[in-house]
Each structure stands twice: as C-alpha cells, then as structure tokens.
Amino acid sequence: MAVSAHTTQQRVYFGGVLFLALTIGFFFIPPDIFFTFGVGLTALTFFCLFLFNLRFGLYALAAVGFFNGWDLILAKYSWAKQIAYLSSVNAPVVDFLAVVLGFSILVSYGIKILPFSRAEFKTTLRPMRWYALFILVSGGATILAYEHQMFSSVKYLLRSMLFVFPAYVLIPAALITSKDVLLKIFKIWLGVGVITALFGLSSLVVVPQAGWIRVEPYKIGDFAPLGYNHNLIAEVLTAIIPVAAYLVFRERFKRVQGPQTTRRWMGFALALGLIIAIDLLTLSRAGWLAFMVELGVIAYFFHHQLLEYFRFKARHGSQFVLLIAVLALIGYMGLFLTSATVSSSNQTRWQLTDITLFYTLRSPLHGYGPGMFTRLLGDTFDYVIEHGEVLDSHGFIQKILLEEGFVGLALFVIFLIIVFAELFKVESPVAEDGLLIPLMITMLAGVFAFQMFNTSYFSSVMWLPIGVALAAAKLSKHH
C-alpha cells in the first residue's frame, strides 16, 4: 500500500483549523444550535484526521477496541432529548470510530490517496464467504422472527452481526500492511492491558472486600470504565496475554542483545506477569478457562522448548517456587468454585441452557430470528419469576442456537474453523514470525473460549482480535 503524500505539517495544519473551528463553535454558537450539529462536526473532525493519516485511526481503534462498554448515549442529556436524531444515538465509542474510519478509507480509495490491492484482503476472503453465508441464513431467519418482530430482527442483524466484520476484520486487513504497524498495535494493547490490570489491582483498596478477595471494576465519579462485572476485566486481559508473550519472546530471542533490549524484554515480562496475575485474581471462571485453553495451545506449539526450560529450572530448584504459587492459585480457585455464589450461578446457567434447548428443538433449523433471545426469554414466565430481568445469552453457542438454529450454529462454527485454518496455512514463516502465528492462534483460542460464556460475541472485543490475527497471517505469507 502506498504511503500518503501528505506531510505531517499539512495534517497538523488541517487538524488545527478544525480544532479551532470546534472551539469557536463551543464558546460562541448558541448551545442548541451547536449541539444539533456538534455530533456531525465531531465526526467530520475525526474523518479529516483519519483521511490524512488512516493508521492514526487504526491505532485509535486498537486503543478503545476492548472497551465495548464505553457507550455514547446522548439521550441521557437534557439538551439532546429535544433533538430527535441525537436522542437516538446509543452505541459504543469504538463503533463510532470504526464508522468514521471506514468512511475515511472509502474516500481515500476513491480519491486515490491510499490505494489498496486485492492482496491486502487475501486472508479474509475465505472467512468472509462463510460469514456471508451465515449472515444470509440469519437473514432468512428474520422472516420467521418470534412474534413477527421482523423489523427488530433485521435491525439486530445489520447493526450487530453484519457490522462487526467490515468494521473489525476488513479495516485491519486494509491498514495493517507492515510488521511495524502490527507491532505498534501490540504495544498499544500491552499498554491497555497494563492500565486495565492496574485499575483492577486498585479495586483491592478502593472496593470494600467482603468474602472472596477478587479484583473487580468500579465507578469513578459517574463513569464506570469497565462496567461493574469482573468478567469485563478478565476478557480484556485474556486477549492481551498472548500479545504480551509475543513481545517478551520477540525481544528475549533477538540475535543481537544489548542493555536496551534486555531492559525492554524485562519490562514486557513484568507487564505480562502483572496481566496474568490480575486476570487470575478476577476469579472469573470464563477467564480461568480461557487462560487454561491458552496454556494448552502454547504447550502444543512449544512443548519441546518448554521441556528444555523446565529441565534447566529443575537443575536450579526454582521450579518449586512456581509450583507452590500455581498450586496456591488452583486451591483458591477450587474453593471458590465450590462456594454457594458459584453454585447459584451454575444453576442459573444450566436452567438457561435447558430453556434454550427446549425452544430450539421446536424450531431447530432456522431458530427464532436474530436478536430474539432476550424477547423470547422475557416471555418465559418460569425464568422471569425466578431470575428477574433477562440478560443476553452468556455464550455465543446458546445465542446462535436459539436465534439461527442448528444450521446457523453450524455455519458460524465453520467460519471460526476457517479463521484458524487461514492461520495454520502460513508455512515457513521467517525468524521471529515463528512465534507470531502460534501466539495469534493462542489469542483467538482464548478469545473464543471466553465468549462461549460471555456476552461480547458480536462486538469489537471478539472481532478486532480476529481482524488483527488474519492481518498477521497475511504479513507472514508475504514474507
């Protein structure tokens, strides 16, 4: 992909003019008029910034991609309630950035600022075909949506299920065209992981601990950066662990070592250790399971190296310290898993699974239509009377099974297999890329395992890692 001809000076100039215009508007234009056009003006500002530096937009997307709960809900503000289109604005910030960045890419392609070739999308074509087939089948299910709510079902299909592929798979495929860009994204994610881990660690002091000691998100003023559920910390850290491991090993095994390289890999190693520790201290069952899956995948790819490493450690006796720490964590988690809190949660999940199968067997092929899970469960008296408000399915298997039936679930699983197949197809990767693809596979294995028990399956939290992993496979193939 060609490099933009626009200089940094030009980008700063255009950005400065737009920022000045926005500032003048804020102070001198009447509030009702300013806010009426303010959303569009903000989008235009980002559009111009991204148009002259698309990778800046990509890095912004990577920085906020794991914070799916950062919603822009203008209906909360009195000034927005008076304006029809503003009061309906309700979506994660990352989705707004993806829309603006996607539009910037299309315009840049149209005016040939940054031309693209078919090769940029090579690793996404086969997964895209299978996902398109899944969307096609889901579209057919909207016709038979529960209680004839076809409009709501189509809206969910387009907004949630279709949107994520171009926004978080095709955009990374278009913009990640070099190893340097990929490494910058990894470093951004490492920073996100460290900040999230420190935020979680601070909860041990900020949040009163009653019963089990665990890290959990909390509110700062009126803003909860990671919501209120410990799983939201765990899902961020689970995805970032393999990326942090890649940065550690990439620096550790460089051919030319020096003081600066040593400092870098030790810093990355400390960050990795912190992220793993906080991930485990969330006491998230999905987080622990996903971490175990990641360890299993790493053991599969690097079992020879791991055996050599532990043989070396055995000669120095240091493996016993690690073994004691691991056993202590396993023991603590084992006690937690047998607690009354977990038993109650397990009972709820089993009951939800039982209800899902009950309904699915009455519409096994096409299900009840996209987005109908909560509506159907909300009309299930036994569930509502016992558990109250219905939340979305905790796991994409139950979600797709109920909404798109066995056919939809089979197509979605095939899509996931094809994604892994694209990564496994990378042959004879060069030097450090021998670590890259296995750890990208590890990352996706952890992400998919986590979303078997969580609710972020049609969001950037799951799909941005898919896009980045497929872009990494493309770079390795080009080598």
Protein backbone atom coordinates (compact mmCIF):
# COMPACT_ATOMS: atom_id res chain seq x y z
CA MET A 1 0.00 0.00 0.00
CA ALA A 2 1.41 3.37 -0.96
CA VAL A 3 2.34 5.96 1.65
CA SER A 4 0.27 9.12 1.77
CA ALA A 5 1.79 12.12 0.04
CA HIS A 6 0.51 14.49 2.69
CA THR A 7 3.17 15.70 5.13
CA THR A 8 2.89 15.85 8.89
CA GLN A 9 2.88 19.65 8.62
CA GLN A 10 -0.19 19.55 6.38
CA ARG A 11 -2.01 17.16 8.72
CA VAL A 12 -1.24 19.38 11.71
CA TYR A 13 -2.47 22.42 9.76
CA PHE A 14 -5.81 20.86 8.78
CA GLY A 15 -6.27 19.38 12.25
CA GLY A 16 -5.53 22.75 13.86
CA VAL A 17 -8.06 24.57 11.68
CA LEU A 18 -10.77 22.04 12.54
CA PHE A 19 -9.93 22.16 16.25
CA LEU A 20 -10.08 25.98 16.19
CA ALA A 21 -13.47 25.85 14.44
CA LEU A 22 -14.77 23.41 17.04
CA THR A 23 -13.52 25.62 19.89
CA ILE A 24 -15.11 28.75 18.42
CA GLY A 25 -18.36 26.88 17.95
CA PHE A 26 -18.36 25.69 21.55
CA PHE A 27 -17.94 29.20 23.02
CA PHE A 28 -19.81 31.44 20.59
CA ILE A 29 -22.60 29.44 18.92
CA PRO A 30 -25.85 29.02 20.91
CA PRO A 31 -25.83 25.62 22.69
CA ASP A 32 -28.93 24.23 20.99
CA ILE A 33 -27.55 25.02 17.53
CA PHE A 34 -24.05 23.85 18.42
CA PHE A 35 -25.17 20.52 19.81
CA THR A 36 -27.57 19.98 16.93
CA PHE A 37 -24.61 20.00 14.57
CA GLY A 38 -21.95 19.11 17.14
CA VAL A 39 -22.09 15.34 16.61
CA GLY A 40 -21.73 15.77 12.86
CA LEU A 41 -18.92 18.29 13.33
CA THR A 42 -17.05 15.95 15.66
CA ALA A 43 -17.43 13.11 13.17
CA LEU A 44 -16.19 15.43 10.41
CA THR A 45 -13.15 16.35 12.52
CA PHE A 46 -12.21 12.72 13.03
CA PHE A 47 -12.92 11.99 9.37
CA CYS A 48 -10.43 14.64 8.23
CA LEU A 49 -7.82 13.50 10.74
CA PHE A 50 -8.19 9.87 9.67
CA LEU A 51 -8.32 10.71 5.97
CA PHE A 52 -4.81 12.18 6.05
CA ASN A 53 -3.49 9.52 8.41
CA LEU A 54 -5.52 6.33 8.27
CA ARG A 55 -3.16 4.47 10.57
CA PHE A 56 -3.81 7.01 13.31
CA GLY A 57 -7.44 5.92 13.07
CA LEU A 58 -6.37 2.28 13.25
CA TYR A 59 -4.35 2.93 16.41
CA ALA A 60 -7.29 4.80 17.94
CA LEU A 61 -9.49 1.81 17.14
CA ALA A 62 -6.98 -0.55 18.78
CA ALA A 63 -6.76 1.66 21.87
CA VAL A 64 -10.50 1.62 22.62
CA GLY A 65 -11.40 -1.71 20.99
CA PHE A 66 -11.59 -3.65 24.26
CA PHE A 67 -13.78 -1.07 25.99
CA ASN A 68 -17.07 -2.07 24.45
CA GLY A 69 -18.91 -0.59 27.42
CA TRP A 70 -17.83 2.96 26.63
CA ASP A 71 -21.22 3.88 25.23
CA LEU A 72 -22.17 7.24 23.81
CA ILE A 73 -25.78 7.65 24.97
CA LEU A 74 -26.91 11.18 24.21
CA ALA A 75 -30.45 10.54 25.43
CA LYS A 76 -29.10 10.94 28.98
CA TYR A 77 -28.61 14.68 28.42
CA SER A 78 -31.49 17.14 28.51
CA TRP A 79 -30.19 19.16 25.56
CA ALA A 80 -30.12 16.03 23.39
CA LYS A 81 -33.64 14.92 24.28
CA GLN A 82 -35.04 17.89 22.39
CA ILE A 83 -33.30 16.84 19.15
CA ALA A 84 -34.79 13.74 17.51
CA TYR A 85 -31.71 12.23 15.85
CA LEU A 86 -29.43 12.94 18.83
CA SER A 87 -31.75 11.30 21.35
CA SER A 88 -31.49 8.06 19.37
CA VAL A 89 -27.67 7.95 19.45
CA ASN A 90 -26.65 4.95 21.56
CA ALA A 91 -23.57 2.92 20.63
CA PRO A 92 -20.04 2.16 21.86
CA VAL A 93 -17.41 4.81 21.11
CA VAL A 94 -15.36 2.19 19.24
CA ASP A 95 -18.24 1.68 16.79
CA PHE A 96 -18.38 5.41 16.03
CA LEU A 97 -14.63 5.41 15.38
CA ALA A 98 -14.98 2.36 13.12
CA VAL A 99 -17.73 4.02 11.07
CA VAL A 100 -15.73 7.23 10.61
CA LEU A 101 -12.51 5.32 9.84
CA GLY A 102 -14.31 3.07 7.36
CA PHE A 103 -15.76 6.08 5.57
CA SER A 104 -12.29 7.69 5.52
CA ILE A 105 -10.86 4.55 3.92
CA LEU A 106 -13.54 4.54 1.20
CA VAL A 107 -12.94 8.22 0.39
CA SER A 108 -9.15 7.78 0.39
CA TYR A 109 -9.59 4.90 -2.02
CA GLY A 110 -11.91 6.96 -4.21
CA ILE A 111 -9.53 9.94 -4.48
CA LYS A 112 -6.51 7.61 -4.62
CA ILE A 113 -4.76 8.97 -1.54
CA LEU A 114 -4.08 5.44 -0.39
CA PRO A 115 -4.84 2.73 -3.00
CA PHE A 116 -5.47 -0.87 -1.94
CA SER A 117 -4.92 -4.13 -3.75
CA ARG A 118 -6.82 -7.40 -3.55
CA ALA A 119 -3.76 -8.92 -1.84
CA GLU A 120 -4.47 -6.85 1.28
CA PHE A 121 -7.61 -8.93 1.86
CA LYS A 122 -6.20 -12.32 0.87
CA THR A 123 -6.54 -13.98 4.27
CA THR A 124 -10.03 -12.56 4.87
CA LEU A 125 -11.71 -13.71 1.64
CA ARG A 126 -12.41 -17.33 2.61
CA PRO A 127 -13.65 -16.47 6.14
CA MET A 128 -15.74 -13.67 4.63
CA ARG A 129 -17.51 -16.10 2.28
CA TRP A 130 -18.51 -18.38 5.15
CA TYR A 131 -19.56 -15.48 7.35
CA ALA A 132 -21.62 -14.09 4.45
CA LEU A 133 -23.37 -17.46 4.20
CA PHE A 134 -24.06 -17.33 7.95
CA ILE A 135 -25.49 -13.82 7.56
CA LEU A 136 -27.60 -14.99 4.60
CA VAL A 137 -29.11 -17.82 6.66
CA SER A 138 -29.66 -15.41 9.57
CA GLY A 139 -31.38 -13.03 7.16
CA GLY A 140 -33.76 -15.83 6.21
CA ALA A 141 -34.48 -16.38 9.92
CA THR A 142 -35.65 -12.76 10.26
CA ILE A 143 -38.65 -13.55 8.06
CA LEU A 144 -39.84 -16.02 10.69
CA ALA A 145 -38.83 -13.91 13.67
CA TYR A 146 -40.50 -14.50 17.03
CA GLU A 147 -43.88 -12.76 17.37
CA HIS A 148 -43.49 -11.35 13.83
CA GLN A 149 -40.87 -8.86 15.03
CA MET A 150 -39.12 -8.86 11.68
CA PHE A 151 -38.07 -5.19 11.79
CA SER A 152 -36.32 -5.57 15.16
CA SER A 153 -34.67 -8.78 13.97
CA VAL A 154 -33.37 -7.19 10.75
CA LYS A 155 -32.07 -4.21 12.75
CA TYR A 156 -30.12 -6.53 15.06
CA LEU A 157 -28.77 -8.49 12.09
CA LEU A 158 -27.47 -5.36 10.37
CA ARG A 159 -26.34 -3.42 13.43
CA SER A 160 -24.68 -6.16 15.46
CA MET A 161 -24.00 -9.25 13.33
CA LEU A 162 -23.15 -7.75 9.95
CA PHE A 163 -21.43 -4.58 11.16
CA VAL A 164 -18.60 -6.30 13.05
CA PHE A 165 -16.99 -7.93 10.00
CA PRO A 166 -16.22 -4.84 7.89
CA ALA A 167 -15.55 -2.72 10.98
CA TYR A 168 -13.13 -5.01 12.79
CA VAL A 169 -11.89 -7.55 10.23
CA LEU A 170 -11.70 -5.71 6.90
CA ILE A 171 -10.35 -2.43 8.32
CA PRO A 172 -7.32 -4.11 9.98
CA ALA A 173 -6.79 -6.14 6.79
CA ALA A 174 -6.67 -2.91 4.77
CA LEU A 175 -4.43 -0.91 7.11
CA ILE A 176 -2.03 -3.43 8.68
CA THR A 177 0.43 -3.60 5.80
CA SER A 178 3.75 -3.89 7.63
CA LYS A 179 5.26 -5.51 10.68
CA ASP A 180 5.87 -2.09 12.23
CA VAL A 181 2.15 -1.29 12.18
CA LEU A 182 1.35 -4.67 13.73
CA LEU A 183 3.94 -4.16 16.48
CA LYS A 184 2.53 -0.72 17.31
CA ILE A 185 -0.91 -2.27 17.75
CA PHE A 186 0.59 -4.94 20.02
CA LYS A 187 2.29 -2.27 22.13
CA ILE A 188 -0.94 -0.27 22.34
CA TRP A 189 -2.71 -3.42 23.53
CA LEU A 190 0.03 -4.09 26.06
CA GLY A 191 -0.49 -0.57 27.41
CA VAL A 192 -4.24 -1.19 27.56
CA GLY A 193 -3.58 -4.45 29.40
CA VAL A 194 -1.29 -2.82 31.98
CA ILE A 195 -3.70 0.06 32.60
CA THR A 196 -6.62 -2.38 32.95
CA ALA A 197 -4.60 -4.60 35.30
CA LEU A 198 -3.57 -1.63 37.48
CA PHE A 199 -7.16 -0.43 37.53
CA GLY A 200 -8.26 -3.89 38.65
CA LEU A 201 -5.48 -4.04 41.26
CA SER A 202 -6.59 -0.71 42.71
CA SER A 203 -10.02 -2.22 43.39
CA LEU A 204 -8.48 -4.28 46.20
CA VAL A 205 -8.07 -0.98 48.03
CA VAL A 206 -10.94 1.10 46.64
CA VAL A 207 -13.72 -1.51 46.71
CA PRO A 208 -14.60 -2.97 50.14
CA GLN A 209 -13.78 -6.66 50.11
CA ALA A 210 -16.44 -8.93 51.56
CA GLY A 211 -15.94 -12.66 51.39
CA TRP A 212 -13.76 -13.71 48.49
CA ILE A 213 -10.81 -11.44 47.67
CA ARG A 214 -11.01 -10.57 44.00
CA VAL A 215 -10.39 -7.67 41.64
CA GLU A 216 -13.44 -6.06 40.06
CA PRO A 217 -14.26 -2.86 38.16
CA TYR A 218 -15.70 0.16 39.92
CA LYS A 219 -17.11 3.60 39.16
CA ILE A 220 -15.03 6.78 39.04
CA GLY A 221 -17.48 9.61 39.62
CA ASP A 222 -20.35 8.85 37.24
CA PHE A 223 -18.22 6.81 34.85
CA ALA A 224 -17.50 3.08 35.10
CA PRO A 225 -14.56 2.47 32.69
CA LEU A 226 -15.08 -1.29 32.66
CA GLY A 227 -18.65 -1.61 33.80
CA TYR A 228 -19.44 -3.41 37.03
CA ASN A 229 -18.69 -7.06 36.27
CA HIS A 230 -15.34 -8.75 36.95
CA ASN A 231 -15.66 -10.66 33.66
CA LEU A 232 -15.16 -7.38 31.78
CA ILE A 233 -11.65 -7.07 33.21
CA ALA A 234 -10.88 -10.72 32.52
CA GLU A 235 -11.97 -10.63 28.87
CA VAL A 236 -9.59 -7.73 28.14
CA LEU A 237 -6.62 -9.36 29.85
CA THR A 238 -7.28 -12.80 28.37
CA ALA A 239 -6.97 -11.46 24.83
CA ILE A 240 -3.82 -9.45 25.60
CA ILE A 241 -1.83 -12.20 27.37
CA PRO A 242 -0.60 -13.87 24.11
CA VAL A 243 0.26 -10.45 22.62
CA ALA A 244 2.32 -9.58 25.69
CA ALA A 245 4.01 -13.00 25.50
CA TYR A 246 4.93 -12.34 21.87
CA LEU A 247 6.56 -9.01 22.75
CA VAL A 248 8.52 -10.67 25.58
CA PHE A 249 9.87 -13.55 23.48
CA ARG A 250 10.50 -11.36 20.44
CA GLU A 251 12.84 -9.16 22.48
CA ARG A 252 14.31 -12.03 24.50
CA PHE A 253 15.43 -14.05 21.49
CA LYS A 254 16.76 -11.29 19.28
CA ARG A 255 20.04 -12.23 17.65
CA VAL A 256 21.73 -9.05 18.84
CA GLN A 257 21.33 -8.48 22.57
CA GLY A 258 22.25 -5.31 24.43
CA PRO A 259 21.33 -3.39 27.59
CA GLN A 260 18.41 -1.66 25.86
CA THR A 261 17.00 -4.94 24.53
CA THR A 262 17.35 -6.53 27.96
CA ARG A 263 15.51 -3.66 29.61
CA ARG A 264 12.73 -3.91 27.04
CA TRP A 265 12.12 -7.63 27.38
CA MET A 266 12.28 -7.46 31.19
CA GLY A 267 9.75 -4.62 31.13
CA PHE A 268 7.49 -6.63 28.83
CA ALA A 269 7.93 -9.66 31.11
CA LEU A 270 6.89 -7.67 34.20
CA ALA A 271 3.85 -6.38 32.32
CA LEU A 272 2.94 -9.94 31.25
CA GLY A 273 3.27 -11.18 34.83
CA LEU A 274 1.03 -8.38 36.12
CA ILE A 275 -1.61 -9.04 33.45
CA ILE A 276 -1.71 -12.78 34.17
CA ALA A 277 -1.88 -12.24 37.93
CA ILE A 278 -4.79 -9.79 37.71
CA ASP A 279 -6.58 -11.99 35.17
CA LEU A 280 -6.48 -14.85 37.66
CA LEU A 281 -7.45 -12.60 40.58
CA THR A 282 -10.69 -11.62 38.87
CA LEU A 283 -11.84 -15.14 39.84
CA SER A 284 -13.66 -15.16 36.52
CA ARG A 285 -14.48 -18.74 35.60
CA ALA A 286 -14.52 -17.82 31.90
CA GLY A 287 -11.18 -16.04 32.35
CA TRP A 288 -9.60 -19.03 34.07
CA LEU A 289 -10.94 -21.44 31.46
CA ALA A 290 -9.74 -19.24 28.58
CA PHE A 291 -6.31 -18.93 30.22
CA MET A 292 -6.11 -22.71 30.57
CA VAL A 293 -7.00 -23.03 26.87
CA GLU A 294 -4.23 -20.56 26.01
CA LEU A 295 -1.72 -22.50 28.08
CA GLY A 296 -2.79 -25.69 26.31
CA VAL A 297 -2.30 -24.14 22.87
CA ILE A 298 1.12 -22.76 23.85
CA ALA A 299 2.10 -26.19 25.18
CA TYR A 300 1.04 -27.72 21.84
CA PHE A 301 3.22 -25.37 19.80
CA PHE A 302 6.21 -25.05 22.11
CA HIS A 303 6.32 -28.30 24.08
CA HIS A 304 9.97 -29.02 23.18
CA GLN A 305 11.12 -25.58 24.31
CA LEU A 306 9.06 -25.80 27.49
CA LEU A 307 10.50 -29.20 28.38
CA GLU A 308 14.03 -27.85 27.95
CA TYR A 309 13.20 -24.81 30.05
CA PHE A 310 11.78 -26.84 32.93
CA ARG A 311 14.71 -29.24 32.81
CA PHE A 312 17.01 -26.25 33.17
CA LYS A 313 14.96 -24.84 36.05
CA ALA A 314 14.85 -28.24 37.73
CA ARG A 315 18.63 -28.19 37.99
CA HIS A 316 18.41 -24.93 39.91
CA GLY A 317 15.39 -25.83 42.05
CA SER A 318 13.48 -22.66 41.13
CA GLN A 319 10.57 -24.62 39.67
CA PHE A 320 9.35 -25.39 43.19
CA VAL A 321 8.58 -21.72 43.85
CA LEU A 322 6.50 -21.59 40.67
CA LEU A 323 4.81 -24.88 41.53
CA ILE A 324 3.81 -23.64 45.01
CA ALA A 325 2.37 -20.42 43.55
CA VAL A 326 0.38 -22.34 40.92
CA LEU A 327 -0.96 -24.82 43.49
CA ALA A 328 -1.99 -21.96 45.80
CA LEU A 329 -3.92 -20.28 42.98
CA ILE A 330 -5.55 -23.55 41.93
CA GLY A 331 -6.53 -24.26 45.53
CA TYR A 332 -8.04 -20.80 45.98
CA MET A 333 -9.98 -21.10 42.73
CA GLY A 334 -11.07 -24.63 43.65
CA LEU A 335 -12.55 -23.37 46.94
CA PHE A 336 -14.22 -20.50 45.11
CA LEU A 337 -15.78 -22.86 42.54
CA THR A 338 -17.41 -24.86 45.34
CA SER A 339 -18.85 -21.76 47.06
CA ALA A 340 -22.57 -21.01 47.28
CA THR A 341 -22.17 -17.98 44.98
CA VAL A 342 -20.79 -20.08 42.14
CA SER A 343 -23.28 -22.90 42.72
CA SER A 344 -26.16 -20.44 42.34
CA SER A 345 -24.67 -19.01 39.14
CA ASN A 346 -24.12 -22.50 37.73
CA GLN A 347 -27.73 -23.41 38.47
CA THR A 348 -28.93 -20.32 36.57
CA ARG A 349 -26.75 -21.15 33.56
CA TRP A 350 -27.93 -24.76 33.47
CA GLN A 351 -31.53 -23.64 33.61
CA LEU A 352 -30.87 -21.15 30.80
CA THR A 353 -29.30 -23.92 28.72
CA ASP A 354 -32.27 -26.17 29.38
CA ILE A 355 -34.73 -23.47 28.26
CA THR A 356 -32.61 -22.76 25.15
CA LEU A 357 -32.70 -26.43 24.13
CA PHE A 358 -36.43 -26.61 24.84
CA TYR A 359 -37.17 -23.77 22.41
CA THR A 360 -34.53 -24.78 19.87
CA LEU A 361 -35.99 -28.25 19.44
CA ARG A 362 -39.29 -26.61 18.45
CA SER A 363 -37.60 -24.58 15.72
CA PRO A 364 -34.34 -26.46 15.07
CA LEU A 365 -33.46 -25.28 11.56
CA HIS A 366 -33.97 -21.50 11.47
CA GLY A 367 -34.44 -20.58 15.12
CA TYR A 368 -36.45 -17.56 16.22
CA GLY A 369 -34.59 -14.79 14.39
CA PRO A 370 -31.56 -12.59 15.20
CA GLY A 371 -31.89 -10.54 18.37
CA MET A 372 -34.84 -12.52 19.71
CA PHE A 373 -33.06 -14.25 22.62
CA THR A 374 -33.99 -11.72 25.31
CA ARG A 375 -37.50 -11.23 23.92
CA LEU A 376 -38.22 -14.95 23.98
CA LEU A 377 -36.75 -15.45 27.44
CA GLY A 378 -38.64 -12.38 28.64
CA ASP A 379 -41.88 -14.15 27.71
CA THR A 380 -40.84 -17.28 29.62
CA PHE A 381 -42.72 -16.91 32.90
CA ASP A 382 -40.80 -19.53 34.88
CA TYR A 383 -37.44 -17.92 34.07
CA VAL A 384 -38.52 -14.32 34.75
CA ILE A 385 -40.30 -15.12 38.00
CA GLU A 386 -37.19 -16.88 39.35
CA HIS A 387 -34.36 -14.75 37.91
CA GLY A 388 -35.92 -11.38 37.12
CA GLU A 389 -34.69 -9.21 34.23
CA VAL A 390 -33.45 -11.18 31.23
CA LEU A 391 -29.87 -10.54 30.08
CA ASP A 392 -28.42 -11.62 26.77
CA SER A 393 -27.11 -15.14 26.39
CA HIS A 394 -23.90 -15.89 28.27
CA GLY A 395 -22.25 -17.64 25.35
CA PHE A 396 -22.47 -17.48 21.57
CA ILE A 397 -23.48 -21.16 21.29
CA GLN A 398 -26.77 -20.68 23.13
CA LYS A 399 -27.34 -17.33 21.43
CA ILE A 400 -26.94 -18.59 17.86
CA LEU A 401 -28.65 -21.90 18.54
CA LEU A 402 -31.84 -20.20 19.73
CA GLU A 403 -31.81 -17.38 17.17
CA GLU A 404 -30.50 -19.10 14.00
CA GLY A 405 -30.98 -22.77 14.80
CA PHE A 406 -28.62 -25.66 14.17
CA VAL A 407 -27.92 -24.51 10.61
CA GLY A 408 -26.79 -21.08 11.77
CA LEU A 409 -24.65 -22.52 14.56
CA ALA A 410 -23.00 -25.00 12.16
CA LEU A 411 -22.13 -22.19 9.71
CA PHE A 412 -20.75 -19.98 12.47
CA VAL A 413 -18.57 -22.79 13.82
CA ILE A 414 -17.31 -23.50 10.28
CA PHE A 415 -16.45 -19.80 9.98
CA LEU A 416 -14.38 -19.99 13.18
CA ILE A 417 -12.63 -23.12 11.89
CA ILE A 418 -11.83 -21.35 8.61
CA VAL A 419 -10.28 -18.45 10.56
CA PHE A 420 -7.98 -20.91 12.33
CA ALA A 421 -7.28 -22.66 9.00
CA GLU A 422 -6.05 -19.36 7.49
CA LEU A 423 -3.57 -19.06 10.34
CA PHE A 424 -2.44 -22.68 10.17
CA LYS A 425 -1.90 -22.32 6.40
CA VAL A 426 1.03 -19.95 6.95
CA GLU A 427 4.06 -22.04 6.02
CA SER A 428 7.78 -21.46 6.66
CA PRO A 429 7.38 -18.15 8.46
CA VAL A 430 10.60 -16.17 8.80
CA ALA A 431 12.61 -15.79 12.01
CA GLU A 432 10.54 -14.11 14.71
CA ASP A 433 7.29 -14.82 12.86
CA GLY A 434 7.79 -18.39 14.06
CA LEU A 435 6.36 -17.02 17.31
CA LEU A 436 3.80 -14.70 15.76
CA ILE A 437 1.30 -17.10 14.20
CA PRO A 438 1.24 -19.63 17.08
CA LEU A 439 0.57 -16.80 19.53
CA MET A 440 -2.13 -15.33 17.27
CA ILE A 441 -3.78 -18.77 17.27
CA THR A 442 -3.40 -18.79 21.05
CA MET A 443 -5.04 -15.37 21.31
CA LEU A 444 -8.05 -16.42 19.22
CA ALA A 445 -8.41 -19.70 21.10
CA GLY A 446 -8.59 -17.74 24.36
CA VAL A 447 -10.99 -15.14 22.96
CA PHE A 448 -13.36 -17.76 21.52
CA ALA A 449 -13.24 -19.84 24.71
CA PHE A 450 -14.11 -16.76 26.76
CA GLN A 451 -17.04 -15.80 24.54
CA MET A 452 -18.53 -19.26 24.97
CA PHE A 453 -19.50 -17.95 28.42
CA ASN A 454 -19.84 -14.20 27.93
CA THR A 455 -21.91 -11.64 26.02
CA SER A 456 -19.37 -9.79 23.82
CA TYR A 457 -19.54 -12.15 20.84
CA PHE A 458 -20.81 -9.55 18.33
CA SER A 459 -18.57 -6.68 19.41
CA SER A 460 -15.06 -5.35 18.89
CA VAL A 461 -13.81 -7.35 21.89
CA MET A 462 -14.05 -10.57 19.87
CA TRP A 463 -13.81 -9.33 16.29
CA LEU A 464 -10.86 -6.93 16.45
CA PRO A 465 -8.52 -9.78 17.55
CA ILE A 466 -9.84 -11.82 14.59
CA GLY A 467 -9.01 -8.97 12.20
CA VAL A 468 -5.55 -8.41 13.64
CA ALA A 469 -4.74 -12.15 13.63
CA LEU A 470 -5.77 -12.52 9.97
CA ALA A 471 -3.68 -9.43 9.10
CA ALA A 472 -0.70 -11.03 10.87
CA ALA A 473 -1.20 -14.17 8.77
CA LYS A 474 -1.22 -12.01 5.62
CA LEU A 475 2.10 -10.40 6.61
CA SER A 476 3.69 -13.79 7.29
CA LYS A 477 2.52 -15.11 3.91
CA HIS A 478 4.03 -12.11 2.15
CA HIS A 479 7.38 -12.99 3.67
